[in-house]
N, C-alpha and C. Protein backbone atom coordinates (compact mmCIF):
# COMPACT_ATOMS: atom_id res chain seq x y z
N MET A 1 43.47 252.58 165.54
CA MET A 1 43.96 252.36 166.89
C MET A 1 43.99 253.68 167.67
N GLU A 2 44.41 254.76 167.01
CA GLU A 2 44.49 256.05 167.67
C GLU A 2 43.10 256.56 168.06
N ALA A 3 42.12 256.35 167.20
CA ALA A 3 40.76 256.77 167.49
C ALA A 3 40.21 255.99 168.69
N GLU A 4 40.57 254.73 168.77
CA GLU A 4 40.12 253.90 169.89
C GLU A 4 40.70 254.42 171.21
N ASP A 5 41.99 254.76 171.20
CA ASP A 5 42.63 255.30 172.40
C ASP A 5 42.01 256.63 172.79
N CYS A 6 41.72 257.46 171.81
CA CYS A 6 41.10 258.76 172.07
C CYS A 6 39.71 258.58 172.68
N GLY A 7 38.96 257.65 172.14
CA GLY A 7 37.63 257.37 172.68
C GLY A 7 37.69 256.84 174.10
N GLU A 8 38.68 256.01 174.37
CA GLU A 8 38.84 255.47 175.73
C GLU A 8 39.18 256.59 176.72
N LEU A 9 40.06 257.50 176.31
CA LEU A 9 40.41 258.63 177.18
C LEU A 9 39.21 259.53 177.44
N GLU A 10 38.42 259.78 176.41
CA GLU A 10 37.22 260.59 176.58
C GLU A 10 36.24 259.92 177.53
N ALA A 11 36.09 258.61 177.40
CA ALA A 11 35.18 257.87 178.27
C ALA A 11 35.65 257.93 179.72
N ARG A 12 36.95 257.80 179.94
CA ARG A 12 37.48 257.88 181.30
C ARG A 12 37.28 259.26 181.90
N ALA A 13 37.51 260.29 181.10
CA ALA A 13 37.32 261.66 181.58
C ALA A 13 35.85 261.90 181.94
N PHE A 14 34.95 261.42 181.10
CA PHE A 14 33.52 261.55 181.38
C PHE A 14 33.15 260.81 182.65
N ASP A 15 33.69 259.61 182.82
CA ASP A 15 33.41 258.81 184.01
C ASP A 15 33.89 259.52 185.27
N LEU A 16 35.08 260.11 185.23
CA LEU A 16 35.60 260.83 186.39
C LEU A 16 34.75 262.05 186.73
N ARG A 17 34.33 262.79 185.71
CA ARG A 17 33.46 263.95 185.96
C ARG A 17 32.14 263.50 186.56
N LEU A 18 31.59 262.42 186.05
CA LEU A 18 30.32 261.92 186.56
C LEU A 18 30.45 261.45 188.01
N ARG A 19 31.53 260.75 188.32
CA ARG A 19 31.76 260.30 189.69
C ARG A 19 31.91 261.48 190.65
N ALA A 20 32.62 262.53 190.23
CA ALA A 20 32.79 263.71 191.09
C ALA A 20 31.44 264.38 191.33
N LEU A 21 30.63 264.50 190.28
CA LEU A 21 29.31 265.11 190.42
C LEU A 21 28.43 264.28 191.36
N GLU A 22 28.43 262.97 191.20
CA GLU A 22 27.63 262.11 192.06
C GLU A 22 28.10 262.20 193.51
N SER A 23 29.39 262.30 193.71
CA SER A 23 29.93 262.42 195.06
C SER A 23 29.47 263.71 195.73
N ARG A 24 29.53 264.82 194.99
CA ARG A 24 29.06 266.10 195.55
C ARG A 24 27.57 266.05 195.86
N GLU A 25 26.78 265.46 194.95
CA GLU A 25 25.34 265.35 195.19
C GLU A 25 25.06 264.49 196.42
N ARG A 26 25.80 263.41 196.59
CA ARG A 26 25.62 262.54 197.74
C ARG A 26 25.95 263.29 199.03
N GLU A 27 27.03 264.06 199.02
CA GLU A 27 27.41 264.83 200.20
C GLU A 27 26.33 265.86 200.53
N ASP A 28 25.82 266.56 199.52
CA ASP A 28 24.75 267.54 199.75
C ASP A 28 23.51 266.88 200.32
N ARG A 29 23.14 265.74 199.77
CA ARG A 29 21.95 265.04 200.23
C ARG A 29 22.12 264.60 201.69
N LEU A 30 23.29 264.07 202.02
CA LEU A 30 23.53 263.64 203.40
C LEU A 30 23.54 264.83 204.36
N THR A 31 24.10 265.94 203.92
CA THR A 31 24.12 267.14 204.76
C THR A 31 22.70 267.62 205.01
N ARG A 32 21.86 267.62 203.98
CA ARG A 32 20.46 268.03 204.17
C ARG A 32 19.72 267.07 205.10
N LEU A 33 19.97 265.76 204.95
CA LEU A 33 19.31 264.80 205.83
C LEU A 33 19.70 265.00 207.29
N VAL A 34 20.95 265.27 207.53
CA VAL A 34 21.41 265.51 208.90
C VAL A 34 20.80 266.80 209.43
N ALA A 35 20.72 267.82 208.61
CA ALA A 35 20.16 269.10 209.04
C ALA A 35 18.67 268.98 209.36
N GLU A 36 17.96 268.10 208.67
CA GLU A 36 16.52 267.94 208.89
C GLU A 36 16.20 267.13 210.13
N ARG A 37 17.13 266.31 210.58
CA ARG A 37 16.87 265.47 211.75
C ARG A 37 17.21 266.21 213.02
N PRO A 38 16.24 266.40 213.92
CA PRO A 38 16.52 267.15 215.15
C PRO A 38 17.48 266.41 216.08
N ASP A 39 17.47 265.09 216.06
CA ASP A 39 18.36 264.35 216.95
C ASP A 39 19.81 264.41 216.48
N LEU A 40 20.04 264.77 215.22
CA LEU A 40 21.40 264.88 214.70
C LEU A 40 21.86 266.33 214.55
N SER A 41 20.99 267.27 214.89
CA SER A 41 21.34 268.67 214.67
C SER A 41 22.44 269.15 215.60
N ALA A 42 22.70 268.43 216.68
CA ALA A 42 23.78 268.84 217.59
C ALA A 42 25.15 268.56 217.00
N ILE A 43 25.20 267.68 216.00
CA ILE A 43 26.47 267.37 215.34
C ILE A 43 26.83 268.52 214.42
N PRO A 44 28.05 269.04 214.51
CA PRO A 44 28.40 270.16 213.63
C PRO A 44 28.34 269.76 212.16
N ALA A 45 27.78 270.63 211.35
CA ALA A 45 27.64 270.36 209.91
C ALA A 45 28.99 270.49 209.24
N LEU A 46 29.15 269.77 208.15
CA LEU A 46 30.37 269.85 207.37
C LEU A 46 30.39 271.17 206.62
N SER A 47 31.49 271.86 206.68
CA SER A 47 31.61 273.09 205.91
C SER A 47 32.52 272.81 204.72
N TYR A 48 32.20 273.39 203.61
CA TYR A 48 32.97 273.14 202.41
C TYR A 48 34.26 273.95 202.38
N GLY A 49 34.30 275.04 203.13
CA GLY A 49 35.47 275.90 203.10
C GLY A 49 36.64 275.32 203.89
N GLY A 50 36.48 275.12 205.19
CA GLY A 50 37.58 274.66 206.02
C GLY A 50 37.27 273.32 206.64
N GLU A 51 37.44 272.28 205.87
CA GLU A 51 37.12 270.95 206.38
C GLU A 51 38.24 270.46 207.27
N SER A 52 37.87 269.66 208.22
CA SER A 52 38.85 269.16 209.17
C SER A 52 39.77 268.14 208.51
N PRO A 53 40.93 267.96 209.08
CA PRO A 53 41.85 266.96 208.53
C PRO A 53 41.28 265.54 208.62
N GLU A 54 40.45 265.31 209.60
CA GLU A 54 39.84 263.98 209.75
C GLU A 54 38.92 263.67 208.57
N VAL A 55 38.14 264.66 208.14
CA VAL A 55 37.25 264.47 207.01
C VAL A 55 38.06 264.20 205.75
N GLU A 56 39.12 264.95 205.57
CA GLU A 56 39.98 264.74 204.40
C GLU A 56 40.61 263.35 204.43
N ARG A 57 41.05 262.91 205.60
CA ARG A 57 41.66 261.58 205.72
C ARG A 57 40.64 260.50 205.38
N LEU A 58 39.41 260.66 205.89
CA LEU A 58 38.36 259.68 205.59
C LEU A 58 38.02 259.67 204.10
N ARG A 59 37.99 260.83 203.48
CA ARG A 59 37.72 260.89 202.04
C ARG A 59 38.81 260.17 201.25
N ARG A 60 40.07 260.38 201.65
CA ARG A 60 41.17 259.69 200.98
C ARG A 60 41.05 258.19 201.14
N GLU A 61 40.71 257.74 202.36
CA GLU A 61 40.59 256.30 202.61
C GLU A 61 39.45 255.70 201.79
N VAL A 62 38.32 256.39 201.73
CA VAL A 62 37.20 255.90 200.93
C VAL A 62 37.59 255.85 199.46
N GLY A 63 38.30 256.85 198.99
CA GLY A 63 38.77 256.85 197.61
C GLY A 63 39.71 255.69 197.33
N LEU A 64 40.62 255.41 198.28
CA LEU A 64 41.53 254.28 198.10
C LEU A 64 40.78 252.96 198.09
N LEU A 65 39.79 252.83 198.98
CA LEU A 65 39.00 251.60 199.00
C LEU A 65 38.20 251.43 197.71
N ALA A 66 37.66 252.52 197.20
CA ALA A 66 36.90 252.45 195.94
C ALA A 66 37.82 252.05 194.79
N ASP A 67 39.03 252.61 194.76
CA ASP A 67 39.99 252.24 193.72
C ASP A 67 40.35 250.76 193.82
N TYR A 68 40.56 250.28 195.04
CA TYR A 68 40.89 248.86 195.24
C TYR A 68 39.73 247.98 194.76
N HIS A 69 38.51 248.37 195.09
CA HIS A 69 37.34 247.60 194.68
C HIS A 69 37.23 247.53 193.16
N HIS A 70 37.43 248.66 192.50
CA HIS A 70 37.36 248.68 191.04
C HIS A 70 38.48 247.84 190.42
N ALA A 71 39.68 247.91 191.00
CA ALA A 71 40.80 247.11 190.50
C ALA A 71 40.52 245.63 190.68
N LEU A 72 39.93 245.27 191.80
CA LEU A 72 39.59 243.87 192.06
C LEU A 72 38.58 243.36 191.03
N LEU A 73 37.55 244.15 190.78
CA LEU A 73 36.53 243.72 189.83
C LEU A 73 37.07 243.59 188.41
N ARG A 74 38.11 244.36 188.07
CA ARG A 74 38.70 244.29 186.73
C ARG A 74 39.82 243.27 186.63
N SER A 75 40.22 242.66 187.74
CA SER A 75 41.36 241.75 187.71
C SER A 75 41.03 240.45 187.00
N LYS A 76 42.04 239.84 186.43
CA LYS A 76 41.86 238.58 185.71
C LYS A 76 41.46 237.46 186.66
N GLY A 77 42.02 237.46 187.86
CA GLY A 77 41.68 236.43 188.84
C GLY A 77 40.21 236.46 189.22
N TRP A 78 39.67 237.65 189.44
CA TRP A 78 38.25 237.80 189.81
C TRP A 78 37.36 237.34 188.66
N ARG A 79 37.71 237.74 187.45
CA ARG A 79 36.89 237.33 186.30
C ARG A 79 36.96 235.82 186.11
N PHE A 80 38.12 235.22 186.36
CA PHE A 80 38.27 233.77 186.23
C PHE A 80 37.38 233.05 187.25
N VAL A 81 37.41 233.51 188.49
CA VAL A 81 36.57 232.89 189.54
C VAL A 81 35.09 233.03 189.18
N GLN A 82 34.70 234.20 188.67
CA GLN A 82 33.30 234.39 188.29
C GLN A 82 32.91 233.48 187.13
N ALA A 83 33.84 233.27 186.20
CA ALA A 83 33.56 232.36 185.07
C ALA A 83 33.39 230.94 185.58
N LEU A 84 34.16 230.54 186.57
CA LEU A 84 34.00 229.21 187.15
C LEU A 84 32.69 229.07 187.90
N ARG A 85 32.23 230.14 188.51
CA ARG A 85 30.98 230.10 189.29
C ARG A 85 29.74 229.99 188.41
N ARG A 86 29.81 230.53 187.19
CA ARG A 86 28.62 230.56 186.33
C ARG A 86 27.97 229.20 186.16
N PRO A 87 28.70 228.15 185.79
CA PRO A 87 28.04 226.86 185.60
C PRO A 87 27.47 226.28 186.89
N LEU A 88 28.03 226.65 188.01
CA LEU A 88 27.59 226.10 189.29
C LEU A 88 26.50 226.91 189.95
N GLY A 89 26.23 228.07 189.44
CA GLY A 89 25.23 228.93 190.03
C GLY A 89 25.87 229.85 191.07
N ARG A 90 25.09 230.76 191.58
CA ARG A 90 25.62 231.74 192.52
C ARG A 90 25.84 231.17 193.91
N ALA A 91 25.01 230.26 194.35
CA ALA A 91 25.10 229.72 195.72
C ALA A 91 25.96 228.47 195.73
N TRP A 92 27.23 228.59 195.83
CA TRP A 92 28.10 227.44 195.90
C TRP A 92 28.89 227.58 197.14
């Protein structure tokens, strides 16, 4: 049982590191895309040092929405509804 708990904690830590890495890569990619587009170059680029409070607020909101989405997908109610849908097909 203890080994199982340890493995689960390691998996969660790995998942969090992977999500953080993917988030940074996504931000870099979007920043490069905006910089390459001349019609968007008038928009100030995001700086990593002193980000505005608005950017931080939006990041928190996106994080909260992502957490809610993951909790919903793991909930017993959602899994129950999906189990009921299986015999009827996806388009019901």
